[in-house]
């Protein structure tokens, strides 16, 4: 959305590119976790609970880091836009 509306200054474009790449990587981990959870559906025990736990932990760590980084970038862009007004 920011990129389509004129977006941030050129200085922030590398950060925006990083965020887009992280979205793709996070989607891949989310898909892997979803597949593992689908495989567990209807079972009384996960076939590989350690692996499931590791993927779940990885997903939540990635999400926390990504949201913090995105919040930082969005705050910088919001300040930039406010300064232009």
Protein backbone atom coordinates (compact mmCIF):
# COMPACT_ATOMS: atom_id res chain seq x y z
CA UNK A 1 0.00 0.00 0.00
CA UNK A 2 2.77 2.45 0.91
CA UNK A 3 4.67 1.64 -2.24
CA UNK A 4 1.58 2.18 -4.40
CA UNK A 5 0.71 5.56 -2.83
CA UNK A 6 4.03 7.21 -3.55
CA UNK A 7 5.50 5.53 -0.51
CA UNK A 8 8.52 6.31 1.56
CA UNK A 9 11.67 8.13 0.57
CA UNK A 10 14.36 6.33 -1.35
CA UNK A 11 16.34 5.88 1.88
CA UNK A 12 13.65 3.56 3.25
CA UNK A 13 13.27 1.46 0.11
CA UNK A 14 15.87 -1.17 1.17
CA UNK A 15 14.00 -1.62 4.44
CA UNK A 16 10.72 -1.99 2.58
CA UNK A 17 12.31 -4.60 0.29
CA UNK A 18 13.53 -6.49 3.36
CA UNK A 19 10.03 -6.47 4.83
CA UNK A 20 8.60 -7.85 1.59
CA UNK A 21 11.21 -10.63 1.54
CA UNK A 22 10.42 -11.45 5.17
CA UNK A 23 6.73 -11.71 4.31
CA UNK A 24 7.57 -14.40 1.75
CA UNK A 25 9.86 -16.29 4.13
CA UNK A 26 7.32 -16.09 6.95
CA UNK A 27 4.61 -17.39 4.61
CA UNK A 28 6.77 -20.43 3.85
CA UNK A 29 7.25 -21.24 7.55
CA UNK A 30 3.54 -20.67 8.17
CA UNK A 31 2.67 -23.10 5.36
CA UNK A 32 5.06 -25.68 6.79
CA UNK A 33 3.49 -25.31 10.24
CA UNK A 34 -0.02 -25.54 8.78
CA UNK A 35 0.91 -28.73 6.91
CA UNK A 36 2.32 -30.26 10.09
CA UNK A 37 -0.80 -29.34 12.04
CA UNK A 38 -3.00 -30.79 9.27
CA UNK A 39 -1.03 -34.03 9.53
CA UNK A 40 -1.84 -34.11 13.27
CA UNK A 41 -5.58 -33.61 12.77
CA UNK A 42 -7.55 -36.50 14.20
CA UNK A 43 -4.52 -38.09 15.83
CA UNK A 44 -4.18 -38.50 19.57
CA UNK A 45 -0.47 -37.67 19.37
CA UNK A 46 1.68 -35.70 16.93
CA UNK A 47 3.85 -38.02 14.79
CA UNK A 48 6.92 -35.85 15.51
CA UNK A 49 6.16 -33.58 18.48
CA UNK A 50 9.73 -32.25 18.73
CA UNK A 51 9.71 -31.19 15.09
CA UNK A 52 6.28 -29.62 15.45
CA UNK A 53 7.46 -27.70 18.51
CA UNK A 54 10.56 -26.46 16.72
CA UNK A 55 8.61 -25.24 13.70
CA UNK A 56 5.99 -23.57 15.92
CA UNK A 57 8.74 -21.86 17.94
CA UNK A 58 10.48 -20.74 14.74
CA UNK A 59 7.23 -19.32 13.39
CA UNK A 60 6.45 -17.34 16.55
CA UNK A 61 10.01 -16.01 16.80
CA UNK A 62 9.91 -14.90 13.17
CA UNK A 63 6.53 -13.23 13.69
CA UNK A 64 7.65 -11.33 16.80
CA UNK A 65 10.82 -10.13 15.10
CA UNK A 66 8.99 -9.21 11.91
CA UNK A 67 6.25 -7.28 13.70
CA UNK A 68 8.81 -5.32 15.74
CA UNK A 69 10.80 -4.46 12.62
CA UNK A 70 7.66 -3.54 10.69
CA UNK A 71 6.49 -1.34 13.55
CA UNK A 72 9.85 0.43 13.50
CA UNK A 73 9.65 1.06 9.74
CA UNK A 74 6.00 2.13 9.82
CA UNK A 75 6.82 4.57 12.64
CA UNK A 76 9.65 6.06 10.56
CA UNK A 77 7.39 6.43 7.54
CA UNK A 78 4.61 7.97 9.64
CA UNK A 79 7.09 10.50 11.06
CA UNK A 80 8.32 11.29 7.56
CA UNK A 81 4.78 11.88 6.33
CA UNK A 82 3.93 14.01 9.39
CA UNK A 83 7.06 16.10 8.82
CA UNK A 84 6.02 16.75 5.22
CA UNK A 85 2.62 18.07 6.28
